[in-house]
């Protein structure tokens, strides 16, 4: 009798949660979407306010210059092409 009662309780809890999730899921999704919209909107506003253009429209701007101190060693030697003999 105990096993039957346990199985019945598990089934009731399962179907109860299933019904409640169908009722409350739209509210939870709507709430979460509003929160995400607020968070992303706030990040966009912060970035938009920071990056005010300091140059005229149409002007070419280079933010980072490549490092020019990357030189190769010319005293390495000569490359010799060879074939392996089996």
N, C-alpha and C. Protein backbone atom coordinates (compact mmCIF):
# COMPACT_ATOMS: atom_id res chain seq x y z
N UNK A 1 0.83 -1.20 0.00
CA UNK A 1 0.00 0.00 0.00
C UNK A 1 0.88 1.26 0.00
N UNK A 2 2.04 1.19 0.65
CA UNK A 2 2.95 2.34 0.72
C UNK A 2 3.53 2.69 -0.63
N UNK A 3 3.86 1.67 -1.43
CA UNK A 3 4.43 1.90 -2.75
C UNK A 3 3.41 2.57 -3.68
N UNK A 4 2.18 2.11 -3.63
CA UNK A 4 1.12 2.70 -4.45
C UNK A 4 0.89 4.15 -4.07
N UNK A 5 0.90 4.42 -2.77
CA UNK A 5 0.69 5.79 -2.28
C UNK A 5 1.83 6.70 -2.73
N UNK A 6 3.09 6.23 -2.70
CA UNK A 6 4.25 7.01 -3.12
C UNK A 6 4.18 7.32 -4.61
N UNK A 7 3.82 6.32 -5.40
CA UNK A 7 3.70 6.54 -6.84
C UNK A 7 2.60 7.54 -7.15
N UNK A 8 1.49 7.45 -6.43
CA UNK A 8 0.39 8.39 -6.62
C UNK A 8 0.81 9.81 -6.26
N UNK A 9 1.55 9.99 -5.18
CA UNK A 9 2.02 11.33 -4.77
C UNK A 9 2.97 11.89 -5.82
N UNK A 10 3.88 11.06 -6.32
CA UNK A 10 4.83 11.52 -7.34
C UNK A 10 4.09 11.95 -8.61
N UNK A 11 3.08 11.19 -9.01
CA UNK A 11 2.31 11.55 -10.20
C UNK A 11 1.52 12.84 -9.99
N UNK A 12 0.93 13.00 -8.80
CA UNK A 12 0.18 14.23 -8.52
C UNK A 12 1.10 15.45 -8.53
N UNK A 13 2.28 15.33 -7.95
CA UNK A 13 3.22 16.45 -7.94
C UNK A 13 3.67 16.76 -9.37
N UNK A 14 3.97 15.73 -10.15
CA UNK A 14 4.41 15.92 -11.53
C UNK A 14 3.34 16.66 -12.35
N UNK A 15 2.10 16.16 -12.31
CA UNK A 15 1.04 16.80 -13.09
C UNK A 15 0.67 18.17 -12.53
N UNK A 16 0.79 18.34 -11.23
CA UNK A 16 0.53 19.65 -10.63
C UNK A 16 1.53 20.68 -11.12
N UNK A 17 2.81 20.31 -11.12
CA UNK A 17 3.84 21.23 -11.61
C UNK A 17 3.68 21.50 -13.10
N UNK A 18 3.26 20.50 -13.83
CA UNK A 18 3.04 20.67 -15.26
C UNK A 18 1.93 21.69 -15.54
N UNK A 19 0.85 21.59 -14.79
CA UNK A 19 -0.28 22.52 -14.95
C UNK A 19 0.11 23.92 -14.50
N UNK A 20 0.81 24.02 -13.37
CA UNK A 20 1.22 25.33 -12.87
C UNK A 20 2.23 26.00 -13.80
N UNK A 21 3.11 25.21 -14.39
CA UNK A 21 4.09 25.80 -15.31
C UNK A 21 3.41 26.36 -16.56
N UNK A 22 2.34 25.71 -17.00
CA UNK A 22 1.61 26.24 -18.17
C UNK A 22 0.90 27.54 -17.83
N UNK A 23 0.50 27.68 -16.58
CA UNK A 23 -0.19 28.91 -16.18
C UNK A 23 0.80 30.04 -15.98
N UNK A 24 1.92 29.77 -15.28
CA UNK A 24 2.84 30.84 -14.90
C UNK A 24 3.99 31.05 -15.87
N UNK A 25 4.20 30.18 -16.82
CA UNK A 25 5.32 30.33 -17.76
C UNK A 25 5.24 31.62 -18.58
N UNK A 26 4.08 32.01 -19.12
CA UNK A 26 4.05 33.27 -19.88
C UNK A 26 4.42 34.49 -19.04
N UNK A 27 4.01 34.51 -17.77
CA UNK A 27 4.35 35.63 -16.90
C UNK A 27 5.84 35.66 -16.62
N UNK A 28 6.43 34.50 -16.40
CA UNK A 28 7.86 34.43 -16.13
C UNK A 28 8.67 34.84 -17.36
N UNK A 29 8.25 34.41 -18.53
CA UNK A 29 8.97 34.77 -19.75
C UNK A 29 8.86 36.27 -20.00
N UNK A 30 7.70 36.83 -19.80
CA UNK A 30 7.52 38.26 -19.98
C UNK A 30 8.38 39.06 -19.01
N UNK A 31 8.43 38.62 -17.75
CA UNK A 31 9.23 39.29 -16.72
C UNK A 31 10.72 39.21 -17.08
N UNK A 32 11.17 38.03 -17.48
CA UNK A 32 12.58 37.87 -17.82
C UNK A 32 12.96 38.67 -19.06
N UNK A 33 12.07 38.76 -20.03
CA UNK A 33 12.37 39.53 -21.24
C UNK A 33 12.47 41.02 -20.93
N UNK A 34 11.64 41.52 -20.02
CA UNK A 34 11.72 42.92 -19.62
C UNK A 34 13.04 43.21 -18.92
N UNK A 35 13.45 42.30 -18.04
CA UNK A 35 14.72 42.48 -17.33
C UNK A 35 15.90 42.47 -18.30
N UNK A 36 15.88 41.55 -19.26
CA UNK A 36 16.97 41.49 -20.24
C UNK A 36 16.98 42.74 -21.11
N UNK A 37 15.80 43.24 -21.47
CA UNK A 37 15.71 44.45 -22.28
C UNK A 37 16.29 45.63 -21.53
N UNK A 38 15.99 45.73 -20.24
CA UNK A 38 16.53 46.83 -19.44
C UNK A 38 18.05 46.74 -19.34
N UNK A 39 18.55 45.53 -19.12
CA UNK A 39 20.00 45.35 -18.97
C UNK A 39 20.73 45.69 -20.27
N UNK A 40 20.23 45.16 -21.40
CA UNK A 40 20.89 45.43 -22.68
C UNK A 40 20.72 46.89 -23.10
N UNK A 41 19.58 47.46 -22.79
CA UNK A 41 19.37 48.87 -23.10
C UNK A 41 20.32 49.75 -22.31
N UNK A 42 20.56 49.41 -21.05
CA UNK A 42 21.50 50.16 -20.22
C UNK A 42 22.92 50.05 -20.74
N UNK A 43 23.31 48.87 -21.18
CA UNK A 43 24.65 48.70 -21.72
C UNK A 43 24.82 49.48 -23.02
N UNK A 44 23.77 49.50 -23.84
CA UNK A 44 23.84 50.25 -25.09
C UNK A 44 23.98 51.73 -24.82
N UNK A 45 23.24 52.24 -23.85
CA UNK A 45 23.31 53.66 -23.52
C UNK A 45 24.69 54.04 -23.01
N UNK A 46 25.29 53.18 -22.18
CA UNK A 46 26.63 53.46 -21.66
C UNK A 46 27.65 53.51 -22.79
N UNK A 47 27.59 52.55 -23.70
CA UNK A 47 28.54 52.52 -24.80
C UNK A 47 28.29 53.66 -25.76
N UNK A 48 27.03 53.98 -26.00
CA UNK A 48 26.71 55.04 -26.95
C UNK A 48 27.19 56.39 -26.41
N UNK A 49 27.05 56.62 -25.11
CA UNK A 49 27.49 57.88 -24.53
C UNK A 49 29.01 57.99 -24.48
N UNK A 50 29.70 56.86 -24.29
CA UNK A 50 31.16 56.88 -24.21
C UNK A 50 31.78 57.19 -25.57
N UNK A 51 31.27 56.61 -26.60
CA UNK A 51 31.93 56.68 -27.91
C UNK A 51 31.39 57.83 -28.76
N UNK A 52 31.44 59.02 -28.21
CA UNK A 52 31.05 60.17 -29.01
C UNK A 52 32.16 60.44 -30.03
N UNK A 53 31.82 60.67 -31.26
CA UNK A 53 32.86 60.82 -32.28
C UNK A 53 33.70 62.07 -32.03
N UNK A 54 35.05 61.91 -32.07
CA UNK A 54 35.97 63.03 -31.88
C UNK A 54 36.52 63.50 -33.22
N UNK A 55 36.02 62.92 -34.30
CA UNK A 55 36.49 63.27 -35.63
C UNK A 55 35.30 63.59 -36.52
N UNK A 56 35.60 64.22 -37.62
CA UNK A 56 34.54 64.59 -38.55
C UNK A 56 34.07 63.38 -39.33
N UNK A 57 32.85 63.45 -39.82
CA UNK A 57 32.29 62.36 -40.60
C UNK A 57 33.02 62.25 -41.93
N UNK A 58 33.39 61.02 -42.30
CA UNK A 58 34.11 60.79 -43.53
C UNK A 58 35.61 60.78 -43.37
N UNK A 59 36.11 61.18 -42.21
CA UNK A 59 37.55 61.20 -41.96
C UNK A 59 38.04 59.79 -41.61
N UNK A 60 39.18 59.41 -42.13
CA UNK A 60 39.75 58.10 -41.86
C UNK A 60 40.54 58.17 -40.57
N UNK A 61 40.24 57.25 -39.65
CA UNK A 61 40.91 57.23 -38.34
C UNK A 61 41.50 55.85 -38.12
N UNK A 62 42.76 55.79 -37.71
CA UNK A 62 43.42 54.53 -37.38
C UNK A 62 43.63 54.53 -35.87
N UNK A 63 42.98 53.57 -35.19
CA UNK A 63 43.06 53.51 -33.74
C UNK A 63 44.38 52.94 -33.25
N UNK A 64 44.85 51.88 -33.89
CA UNK A 64 46.08 51.22 -33.45
C UNK A 64 47.04 51.10 -34.62
N UNK A 65 48.27 51.45 -34.38
CA UNK A 65 49.31 51.30 -35.39
C UNK A 65 49.99 49.96 -35.18
N UNK A 66 50.30 49.23 -36.25
CA UNK A 66 50.99 47.95 -36.09
C UNK A 66 52.42 48.16 -35.59
N UNK A 67 52.91 47.19 -34.83
CA UNK A 67 54.28 47.28 -34.32
C UNK A 67 55.25 47.11 -35.48
N UNK A 68 56.22 48.01 -35.56
CA UNK A 68 57.17 47.95 -36.65
C UNK A 68 58.51 47.37 -36.20
N UNK A 69 58.68 47.01 -34.94
CA UNK A 69 59.94 46.50 -34.44
C UNK A 69 60.08 44.99 -34.59
N UNK A 70 59.19 44.37 -35.36
CA UNK A 70 59.28 42.93 -35.59
C UNK A 70 60.19 42.69 -36.78
N UNK A 71 61.48 42.52 -36.52
CA UNK A 71 62.44 42.30 -37.59
C UNK A 71 62.90 40.84 -37.57
N UNK A 72 63.32 40.36 -38.72
CA UNK A 72 63.81 39.00 -38.82
C UNK A 72 65.33 39.00 -38.78
N UNK A 73 65.88 37.91 -38.35
CA UNK A 73 67.33 37.77 -38.28
C UNK A 73 67.85 37.32 -39.64
N UNK A 74 68.65 38.14 -40.29
CA UNK A 74 69.15 37.84 -41.63
C UNK A 74 70.34 36.88 -41.59
N UNK A 75 70.92 36.64 -40.44
CA UNK A 75 72.10 35.79 -40.32
C UNK A 75 71.74 34.34 -40.00
N UNK A 76 70.58 33.90 -40.36
CA UNK A 76 70.13 32.55 -40.05
C UNK A 76 70.84 31.55 -40.93
N UNK A 77 70.99 31.80 -42.16
CA UNK A 77 71.65 30.87 -43.06
C UNK A 77 70.88 30.72 -44.35
N UNK A 78 71.32 29.76 -45.15
CA UNK A 78 70.73 29.54 -46.45
C UNK A 78 69.82 28.32 -46.39
N UNK A 79 68.69 28.39 -47.06
CA UNK A 79 67.75 27.26 -47.10
C UNK A 79 68.18 26.31 -48.20
N UNK A 80 68.27 25.02 -47.84
CA UNK A 80 68.67 24.00 -48.81
C UNK A 80 67.51 23.05 -49.00
N UNK A 81 67.08 22.90 -50.23
CA UNK A 81 66.00 21.99 -50.55
C UNK A 81 66.57 20.59 -50.71
N UNK A 82 65.91 19.61 -50.09
CA UNK A 82 66.41 18.24 -50.19
C UNK A 82 65.26 17.28 -50.34
N UNK A 83 65.56 16.09 -50.81
CA UNK A 83 64.58 15.00 -50.93
C UNK A 83 65.04 13.84 -50.11
N UNK A 84 64.09 13.15 -49.51
CA UNK A 84 64.42 11.96 -48.73
C UNK A 84 64.57 10.78 -49.68
N UNK A 85 65.58 9.95 -49.43
CA UNK A 85 65.80 8.77 -50.24
C UNK A 85 65.43 7.56 -49.39
N UNK A 86 64.56 6.72 -49.94
CA UNK A 86 64.11 5.54 -49.18
C UNK A 86 65.09 4.40 -49.26
